[in-house]
């Protein structure tokens, strides 16, 4: 499949994608069915992670984010107005 012309700054992304073609860990047909299902939902998810690997990556990143937030929560709250 030929790609349309694109800005050269995106070339590293496209090169990465070309290098991983046919190595996707999810079934494209199943992914398409899920997206069609989501498109018909009355209340579709705002974010949807597909594939076991994707779910694990997001869980790990979210755990790190929650831990960092807990570490710095007091500093973040320190800018609130003082109670009257």
PDB file of N, CA and C in Angstrom:
ATOM      1  N   UNK A   1       0.839  -1.177   0.000  1.00  0.00           N
ATOM      2  CA  UNK A   1       0.000   0.000   0.000  1.00  0.00           C
ATOM      3  C   UNK A   1       0.883   1.238   0.000  1.00  0.00           C
ATOM      4  N   UNK A   2       0.709   2.078  -0.976  1.00  0.00           N
ATOM      5  CA  UNK A   2       1.504   3.301  -1.086  1.00  0.00           C
ATOM      6  C   UNK A   2       0.988   4.347  -0.109  1.00  0.00           C
ATOM      7  N   UNK A   3       1.926   5.072   0.475  1.00  0.00           N
ATOM      8  CA  UNK A   3       1.538   6.118   1.417  1.00  0.00           C
ATOM      9  C   UNK A   3       1.483   7.452   0.702  1.00  0.00           C
ATOM     10  N   UNK A   4       0.571   8.287   1.148  1.00  0.00           N
ATOM     11  CA  UNK A   4       0.482   9.633   0.596  1.00  0.00           C
ATOM     12  C   UNK A   4       1.709  10.431   1.036  1.00  0.00           C
ATOM     13  N   UNK A   5       2.048  11.476   0.304  1.00  0.00           N
ATOM     14  CA  UNK A   5       3.175  12.322   0.722  1.00  0.00           C
ATOM     15  C   UNK A   5       2.919  12.884   2.125  1.00  0.00           C
ATOM     16  N   UNK A   6       3.975  13.016   2.896  1.00  0.00           N
ATOM     17  CA  UNK A   6       3.856  13.525   4.253  1.00  0.00           C
ATOM     18  C   UNK A   6       5.078  14.366   4.587  1.00  0.00           C
ATOM     19  N   UNK A   7       4.964  15.125   5.651  1.00  0.00           N
ATOM     20  CA  UNK A   7       6.073  15.970   6.086  1.00  0.00           C
ATOM     21  C   UNK A   7       7.215  15.084   6.581  1.00  0.00           C
ATOM     22  N   UNK A   8       8.430  15.482   6.295  1.00  0.00           N
ATOM     23  CA  UNK A   8       9.603  14.655   6.638  1.00  0.00           C
ATOM     24  C   UNK A   8       9.766  14.427   8.138  1.00  0.00           C
ATOM     25  N   UNK A   9       9.228  15.308   8.968  1.00  0.00           N
ATOM     26  CA  UNK A   9       9.395  15.116  10.411  1.00  0.00           C
ATOM     27  C   UNK A   9       8.639  13.885  10.908  1.00  0.00           C
ATOM     28  N   UNK A  10       7.677  13.393  10.130  1.00  0.00           N
ATOM     29  CA  UNK A  10       6.929  12.195  10.515  1.00  0.00           C
ATOM     30  C   UNK A  10       7.596  10.911  10.041  1.00  0.00           C
ATOM     31  N   UNK A  11       8.642  11.028   9.279  1.00  0.00           N
ATOM     32  CA  UNK A  11       9.300   9.850   8.717  1.00  0.00           C
ATOM     33  C   UNK A  11       9.756   8.849   9.785  1.00  0.00           C
ATOM     34  N   UNK A  12      10.332   9.290  10.916  1.00  0.00           N
ATOM     35  CA  UNK A  12      10.715   8.302  11.938  1.00  0.00           C
ATOM     36  C   UNK A  12       9.522   7.476  12.440  1.00  0.00           C
ATOM     37  N   UNK A  13       8.362   8.088  12.546  1.00  0.00           N
ATOM     38  CA  UNK A  13       7.167   7.362  12.987  1.00  0.00           C
ATOM     39  C   UNK A  13       6.781   6.326  11.944  1.00  0.00           C
ATOM     40  N   UNK A  14       6.757   6.743  10.679  1.00  0.00           N
ATOM     41  CA  UNK A  14       6.389   5.818   9.610  1.00  0.00           C
ATOM     42  C   UNK A  14       7.414   4.693   9.472  1.00  0.00           C
ATOM     43  N   UNK A  15       8.667   5.002   9.671  1.00  0.00           N
ATOM     44  CA  UNK A  15       9.711   3.972   9.599  1.00  0.00           C
ATOM     45  C   UNK A  15       9.502   2.941  10.709  1.00  0.00           C
ATOM     46  N   UNK A  16       9.177   3.425  11.900  1.00  0.00           N
ATOM     47  CA  UNK A  16       8.886   2.517  13.019  1.00  0.00           C
ATOM     48  C   UNK A  16       7.697   1.619  12.683  1.00  0.00           C
ATOM     49  N   UNK A  17       6.649   2.212  12.149  1.00  0.00           N
ATOM     50  CA  UNK A  17       5.458   1.431  11.802  1.00  0.00           C
ATOM     51  C   UNK A  17       5.755   0.408  10.714  1.00  0.00           C
ATOM     52  N   UNK A  18       6.521   0.799   9.711  1.00  0.00           N
ATOM     53  CA  UNK A  18       6.882  -0.140   8.644  1.00  0.00           C
ATOM     54  C   UNK A  18       7.690  -1.308   9.198  1.00  0.00           C
ATOM     55  N   UNK A  19       8.535  -1.051  10.167  1.00  0.00           N
ATOM     56  CA  UNK A  19       9.362  -2.094  10.754  1.00  0.00           C
ATOM     57  C   UNK A  19       8.578  -3.081  11.603  1.00  0.00           C
ATOM     58  N   UNK A  20       7.367  -2.704  12.013  1.00  0.00           N
ATOM     59  CA  UNK A  20       6.561  -3.574  12.860  1.00  0.00           C
ATOM     60  C   UNK A  20       5.333  -4.119  12.132  1.00  0.00           C
ATOM     61  N   UNK A  21       5.275  -3.931  10.844  1.00  0.00           N
ATOM     62  CA  UNK A  21       4.140  -4.428  10.065  1.00  0.00           C
ATOM     63  C   UNK A  21       4.039  -5.943  10.203  1.00  0.00           C
ATOM     64  N   UNK A  22       2.839  -6.433  10.335  1.00  0.00           N
ATOM     65  CA  UNK A  22       2.534  -7.857  10.490  1.00  0.00           C
ATOM     66  C   UNK A  22       3.045  -8.437  11.811  1.00  0.00           C
ATOM     67  N   UNK A  23       3.374  -7.577  12.770  1.00  0.00           N
ATOM     68  CA  UNK A  23       3.818  -8.039  14.079  1.00  0.00           C
ATOM     69  C   UNK A  23       2.851  -7.597  15.176  1.00  0.00           C
ATOM     70  N   UNK A  24       1.699  -7.068  14.787  1.00  0.00           N
ATOM     71  CA  UNK A  24       0.743  -6.557  15.755  1.00  0.00           C
ATOM     72  C   UNK A  24       0.261  -7.693  16.659  1.00  0.00           C
ATOM     73  N   UNK A  25       0.138  -7.421  17.964  1.00  0.00           N
ATOM     74  CA  UNK A  25      -0.288  -8.476  18.887  1.00  0.00           C
ATOM     75  C   UNK A  25      -1.804  -8.676  18.941  1.00  0.00           C
ATOM     76  N   UNK A  26      -2.565  -7.858  18.207  1.00  0.00           N
ATOM     77  CA  UNK A  26      -4.019  -8.017  18.219  1.00  0.00           C
ATOM     78  C   UNK A  26      -4.507  -8.429  16.846  1.00  0.00           C
ATOM     79  N   UNK A  27      -5.664  -9.041  16.822  1.00  0.00           N
ATOM     80  CA  UNK A  27      -6.303  -9.483  15.592  1.00  0.00           C
ATOM     81  C   UNK A  27      -7.020  -8.281  14.977  1.00  0.00           C
ATOM     82  N   UNK A  28      -6.595  -7.808  13.812  1.00  0.00           N
ATOM     83  CA  UNK A  28      -7.215  -6.634  13.201  1.00  0.00           C
ATOM     84  C   UNK A  28      -8.720  -6.793  12.972  1.00  0.00           C
ATOM     85  N   UNK A  29      -9.167  -7.991  12.626  1.00  0.00           N
ATOM     86  CA  UNK A  29     -10.606  -8.211  12.400  1.00  0.00           C
ATOM     87  C   UNK A  29     -11.383  -8.033  13.706  1.00  0.00           C
ATOM     88  N   UNK A  30     -10.831  -8.550  14.795  1.00  0.00           N
ATOM     89  CA  UNK A  30     -11.488  -8.381  16.088  1.00  0.00           C
ATOM     90  C   UNK A  30     -11.494  -6.906  16.492  1.00  0.00           C
ATOM     91  N   UNK A  31     -10.395  -6.235  16.244  1.00  0.00           N
ATOM     92  CA  UNK A  31     -10.318  -4.805  16.545  1.00  0.00           C
ATOM     93  C   UNK A  31     -11.356  -4.012  15.774  1.00  0.00           C
ATOM     94  N   UNK A  32     -11.523  -4.336  14.500  1.00  0.00           N
ATOM     95  CA  UNK A  32     -12.518  -3.651  13.673  1.00  0.00           C
ATOM     96  C   UNK A  32     -13.924  -3.898  14.208  1.00  0.00           C
ATOM     97  N   UNK A  33     -14.206  -5.147  14.607  1.00  0.00           N
ATOM     98  CA  UNK A  33     -15.530  -5.457  15.153  1.00  0.00           C
ATOM     99  C   UNK A  33     -15.792  -4.669  16.435  1.00  0.00           C
ATOM    100  N   UNK A  34     -14.771  -4.550  17.279  1.00  0.00           N
ATOM    101  CA  UNK A  34     -14.926  -3.784  18.513  1.00  0.00           C
ATOM    102  C   UNK A  34     -15.211  -2.320  18.195  1.00  0.00           C
ATOM    103  N   UNK A  35     -14.487  -1.756  17.249  1.00  0.00           N
ATOM    104  CA  UNK A  35     -14.703  -0.348  16.899  1.00  0.00           C
ATOM    105  C   UNK A  35     -16.097  -0.122  16.322  1.00  0.00           C
ATOM    106  N   UNK A  36     -16.571  -1.050  15.511  1.00  0.00           N
ATOM    107  CA  UNK A  36     -17.932  -0.933  14.989  1.00  0.00           C
ATOM    108  C   UNK A  36     -18.947  -1.015  16.128  1.00  0.00           C
ATOM    109  N   UNK A  37     -18.705  -1.912  17.070  1.00  0.00           N
ATOM    110  CA  UNK A  37     -19.583  -2.034  18.232  1.00  0.00           C
ATOM    111  C   UNK A  37     -19.587  -0.734  19.037  1.00  0.00           C
ATOM    112  N   UNK A  38     -18.429  -0.177  19.277  1.00  0.00           N
ATOM    113  CA  UNK A  38     -18.311   1.063  20.044  1.00  0.00           C
ATOM    114  C   UNK A  38     -19.029   2.203  19.313  1.00  0.00           C
ATOM    115  N   UNK A  39     -18.926   2.241  17.991  1.00  0.00           N
ATOM    116  CA  UNK A  39     -19.573   3.297  17.216  1.00  0.00           C
ATOM    117  C   UNK A  39     -21.092   3.271  17.363  1.00  0.00           C
ATOM    118  N   UNK A  40     -21.647   2.114  17.691  1.00  0.00           N
ATOM    119  CA  UNK A  40     -23.099   1.989  17.841  1.00  0.00           C
ATOM    120  C   UNK A  40     -23.575   2.184  19.274  1.00  0.00           C
ATOM    121  N   UNK A  41     -22.655   2.348  20.220  1.00  0.00           N
ATOM    122  CA  UNK A  41     -23.034   2.496  21.628  1.00  0.00           C
ATOM    123  C   UNK A  41     -23.679   3.850  21.886  1.00  0.00           C
ATOM    124  N   UNK A  42     -24.660   3.858  22.796  1.00  0.00           N
ATOM    125  CA  UNK A  42     -25.269   5.114  23.217  1.00  0.00           C
ATOM    126  C   UNK A  42     -24.288   5.949  24.023  1.00  0.00           C
ATOM    127  N   UNK A  43     -23.476   5.276  24.836  1.00  0.00           N
ATOM    128  CA  UNK A  43     -22.471   5.956  25.654  1.00  0.00           C
ATOM    129  C   UNK A  43     -21.124   5.274  25.463  1.00  0.00           C
ATOM    130  N   UNK A  44     -20.451   5.557  24.350  1.00  0.00           N
ATOM    131  CA  UNK A  44     -19.163   4.897  24.089  1.00  0.00           C
ATOM    132  C   UNK A  44     -18.087   5.388  25.050  1.00  0.00           C
ATOM    133  N   UNK A  45     -17.066   4.573  25.257  1.00  0.00           N
ATOM    134  CA  UNK A  45     -15.967   5.002  26.136  1.00  0.00           C
ATOM    135  C   UNK A  45     -15.211   6.169  25.506  1.00  0.00           C
ATOM    136  N   UNK A  46     -14.744   7.067  26.367  1.00  0.00           N
ATOM    137  CA  UNK A  46     -13.930   8.181  25.873  1.00  0.00           C
ATOM    138  C   UNK A  46     -12.538   7.697  25.492  1.00  0.00           C
ATOM    139  N   UNK A  47     -12.079   6.660  26.168  1.00  0.00           N
ATOM    140  CA  UNK A  47     -10.777   6.061  25.907  1.00  0.00           C
ATOM    141  C   UNK A  47     -10.974   4.554  25.872  1.00  0.00           C
ATOM    142  N   UNK A  48     -10.389   3.915  24.899  1.00  0.00           N
ATOM    143  CA  UNK A  48     -10.492   2.464  24.803  1.00  0.00           C
ATOM    144  C   UNK A  48      -9.135   1.911  24.404  1.00  0.00           C
ATOM    145  N   UNK A  49      -8.580   1.105  25.258  1.00  0.00           N
ATOM    146  CA  UNK A  49      -7.290   0.479  24.993  1.00  0.00           C
ATOM    147  C   UNK A  49      -7.567  -0.919  24.456  1.00  0.00           C
ATOM    148  N   UNK A  50      -6.968  -1.242  23.317  1.00  0.00           N
ATOM    149  CA  UNK A  50      -7.183  -2.543  22.697  1.00  0.00           C
ATOM    150  C   UNK A  50      -5.975  -3.441  22.896  1.00  0.00           C
ATOM    151  N   UNK A  51      -6.236  -4.692  23.191  1.00  0.00           N
ATOM    152  CA  UNK A  51      -5.176  -5.692  23.313  1.00  0.00           C
ATOM    153  C   UNK A  51      -4.655  -5.814  24.729  1.00  0.00           C
ATOM    154  N   UNK A  52      -4.299  -7.041  25.089  1.00  0.00           N
ATOM    155  CA  UNK A  52      -3.770  -7.306  26.433  1.00  0.00           C
ATOM    156  C   UNK A  52      -2.511  -6.507  26.716  1.00  0.00           C
ATOM    157  N   UNK A  53      -1.650  -6.382  25.714  1.00  0.00           N
ATOM    158  CA  UNK A  53      -0.414  -5.631  25.922  1.00  0.00           C
ATOM    159  C   UNK A  53      -0.717  -4.159  26.181  1.00  0.00           C
ATOM    160  N   UNK A  54      -1.661  -3.607  25.433  1.00  0.00           N
ATOM    161  CA  UNK A  54      -2.039  -2.215  25.629  1.00  0.00           C
ATOM    162  C   UNK A  54      -2.631  -1.970  27.001  1.00  0.00           C
ATOM    163  N   UNK A  55      -3.493  -2.881  27.443  1.00  0.00           N
ATOM    164  CA  UNK A  55      -4.109  -2.749  28.761  1.00  0.00           C
ATOM    165  C   UNK A  55      -3.036  -2.759  29.845  1.00  0.00           C
ATOM    166  N   UNK A  56      -2.064  -3.657  29.743  1.00  0.00           N
ATOM    167  CA  UNK A  56      -0.999  -3.730  30.753  1.00  0.00           C
ATOM    168  C   UNK A  56      -0.122  -2.485  30.736  1.00  0.00           C
ATOM    169  N   UNK A  57       0.198  -1.991  29.555  1.00  0.00           N
ATOM    170  CA  UNK A  57       1.016  -0.768  29.457  1.00  0.00           C
ATOM    171  C   UNK A  57       0.304   0.396  30.127  1.00  0.00           C
ATOM    172  N   UNK A  58      -0.985   0.543  29.853  1.00  0.00           N
ATOM    173  CA  UNK A  58      -1.754   1.639  30.450  1.00  0.00           C
ATOM    174  C   UNK A  58      -1.856   1.468  31.961  1.00  0.00           C
ATOM    175  N   UNK A  59      -2.083   0.252  32.433  1.00  0.00           N
ATOM    176  CA  UNK A  59      -2.159   0.020  33.880  1.00  0.00           C
ATOM    177  C   UNK A  59      -0.864   0.419  34.567  1.00  0.00           C
ATOM    178  N   UNK A  60       0.261   0.052  33.979  1.00  0.00           N
ATOM    179  CA  UNK A  60       1.557   0.406  34.559  1.00  0.00           C
ATOM    180  C   UNK A  60       1.749   1.918  34.586  1.00  0.00           C
ATOM    181  N   UNK A  61       1.418   2.577  33.497  1.00  0.00           N
ATOM    182  CA  UNK A  61       1.585   4.036  33.438  1.00  0.00           C
ATOM    183  C   UNK A  61       0.657   4.738  34.411  1.00  0.00           C
ATOM    184  N   UNK A  62      -0.575   4.251  34.522  1.00  0.00           N
ATOM    185  CA  UNK A  62      -1.515   4.872  35.447  1.00  0.00           C
ATOM    186  C   UNK A  62      -1.065   4.668  36.898  1.00  0.00           C
ATOM    187  N   UNK A  63      -0.538   3.502  37.218  1.00  0.00           N
ATOM    188  CA  UNK A  63      -0.038   3.257  38.572  1.00  0.00           C
ATOM    189  C   UNK A  63       1.090   4.227  38.903  1.00  0.00           C
ATOM    190  N   UNK A  64       1.982   4.464  37.957  1.00  0.00           N
ATOM    191  CA  UNK A  64       3.072   5.425  38.170  1.00  0.00           C
ATOM    192  C   UNK A  64       2.518   6.831  38.354  1.00  0.00           C
ATOM    193  N   UNK A  65       1.513   7.183  37.572  1.00  0.00           N
ATOM    194  CA  UNK A  65       0.903   8.507  37.673  1.00  0.00           C
ATOM    195  C   UNK A  65       0.237   8.696  39.037  1.00  0.00           C
ATOM    196  N   UNK A  66      -0.498   7.694  39.494  1.00  0.00           N
ATOM    197  CA  UNK A  66      -1.157   7.766  40.805  1.00  0.00           C
ATOM    198  C   UNK A  66      -0.111   7.901  41.909  1.00  0.00           C
ATOM    199  N   UNK A  67       0.969   7.134  41.821  1.00  0.00           N
ATOM    200  CA  UNK A  67       2.028   7.205  42.837  1.00  0.00           C
ATOM    201  C   UNK A  67       2.685   8.580  42.843  1.00  0.00           C
ATOM    202  N   UNK A  68       2.946   9.121  41.676  1.00  0.00           N
ATOM    203  CA  UNK A  68       3.568  10.448  41.610  1.00  0.00           C
ATOM    204  C   UNK A  68       2.619  11.513  42.137  1.00  0.00           C
ATOM    205  N   UNK A  69       1.333  11.392  41.801  1.00  0.00           N
ATOM    206  CA  UNK A  69       0.349  12.337  42.304  1.00  0.00           C
ATOM    207  C   UNK A  69       0.299  12.297  43.827  1.00  0.00           C
ATOM    208  N   UNK A  70       0.322  11.106  44.414  1.00  0.00           N
ATOM    209  CA  UNK A  70       0.294  10.977  45.867  1.00  0.00           C
ATOM    210  C   UNK A  70       1.535  11.626  46.487  1.00  0.00           C
ATOM    211  N   UNK A  71       2.663  11.445  45.833  1.00  0.00           N
ATOM    212  CA  UNK A  71       3.921  12.005  46.344  1.00  0.00           C
ATOM    213  C   UNK A  71       3.876  13.528  46.412  1.00  0.00           C
ATOM    214  N   UNK A  72       3.250  14.155  45.423  1.00  0.00           N
ATOM    215  CA  UNK A  72       3.271  15.608  45.314  1.00  0.00           C
ATOM    216  C   UNK A  72       1.925  16.268  45.633  1.00  0.00           C
ATOM    217  N   UNK A  73       0.960  15.515  46.135  1.00  0.00           N
ATOM    218  CA  UNK A  73      -0.375  16.059  46.389  1.00  0.00           C
ATOM    219  C   UNK A  73      -0.358  17.235  47.365  1.00  0.00           C
ATOM    220  N   UNK A  74       0.406  17.122  48.433  1.00  0.00           N
ATOM    221  CA  UNK A  74       0.447  18.216  49.420  1.00  0.00           C
ATOM    222  C   UNK A  74       0.983  19.492  48.791  1.00  0.00           C
ATOM    223  N   UNK A  75       2.003  19.381  47.977  1.00  0.00           N
ATOM    224  CA  UNK A  75       2.536  20.564  47.302  1.00  0.00           C
ATOM    225  C   UNK A  75       1.499  21.150  46.356  1.00  0.00           C
ATOM    226  N   UNK A  76       0.802  20.287  45.629  1.00  0.00           N
ATOM    227  CA  UNK A  76      -0.233  20.764  44.723  1.00  0.00           C
ATOM    228  C   UNK A  76      -1.359  21.470  45.455  1.00  0.00           C
ATOM    229  N   UNK A  77      -1.753  20.942  46.615  1.00  0.00           N
ATOM    230  CA  UNK A  77      -2.830  21.556  47.398  1.00  0.00           C
ATOM    231  C   UNK A  77      -2.386  22.828  48.115  1.00  0.00           C
ATOM    232  N   UNK A  78      -1.093  23.035  48.230  1.00  0.00           N
ATOM    233  CA  UNK A  78      -0.582  24.180  48.987  1.00  0.00           C
ATOM    234  C   UNK A  78      -0.952  25.517  48.361  1.00  0.00           C
ATOM    235  N   UNK A  79      -1.430  25.532  47.140  1.00  0.00           N
ATOM    236  CA  UNK A  79      -1.772  26.796  46.481  1.00  0.00           C
ATOM    237  C   UNK A  79      -3.239  27.172  46.673  1.00  0.00           C
ATOM    238  N   UNK A  80      -4.023  26.315  47.354  1.00  0.00           N
ATOM    239  CA  UNK A  80      -5.434  26.628  47.608  1.00  0.00           C
ATOM    240  C   UNK A  80      -5.536  27.850  48.501  1.00  0.00           C
ATOM    241  N   UNK A  81      -6.668  28.560  48.410  1.00  0.00           N
ATOM    242  CA  UNK A  81      -6.922  29.666  49.331  1.00  0.00           C
ATOM    243  C   UNK A  81      -7.006  29.128  50.737  1.00  0.00           C
ATOM    244  N   UNK A  82      -6.556  29.933  51.703  1.00  0.00           N
ATOM    245  CA  UNK A  82      -6.681  29.556  53.101  1.00  0.00           C
ATOM    246  C   UNK A  82      -8.150  29.559  53.496  1.00  0.00           C
ATOM    247  N   UNK A  83      -8.523  28.660  54.430  1.00  0.00           N
ATOM    248  CA  UNK A  83      -9.906  28.598  54.905  1.00  0.00           C
ATOM    249  C   UNK A  83     -10.236  29.898  55.645  1.00  0.00           C
ATOM    250  N   UNK A  84     -11.442  30.365  55.456  1.00  0.00           N
ATOM    251  CA  UNK A  84     -11.837  31.637  56.090  1.00  0.00           C
ATOM    252  C   UNK A  84     -12.081  31.493  57.557  1.00  0.00           C
TER     253      UNK A  84
END
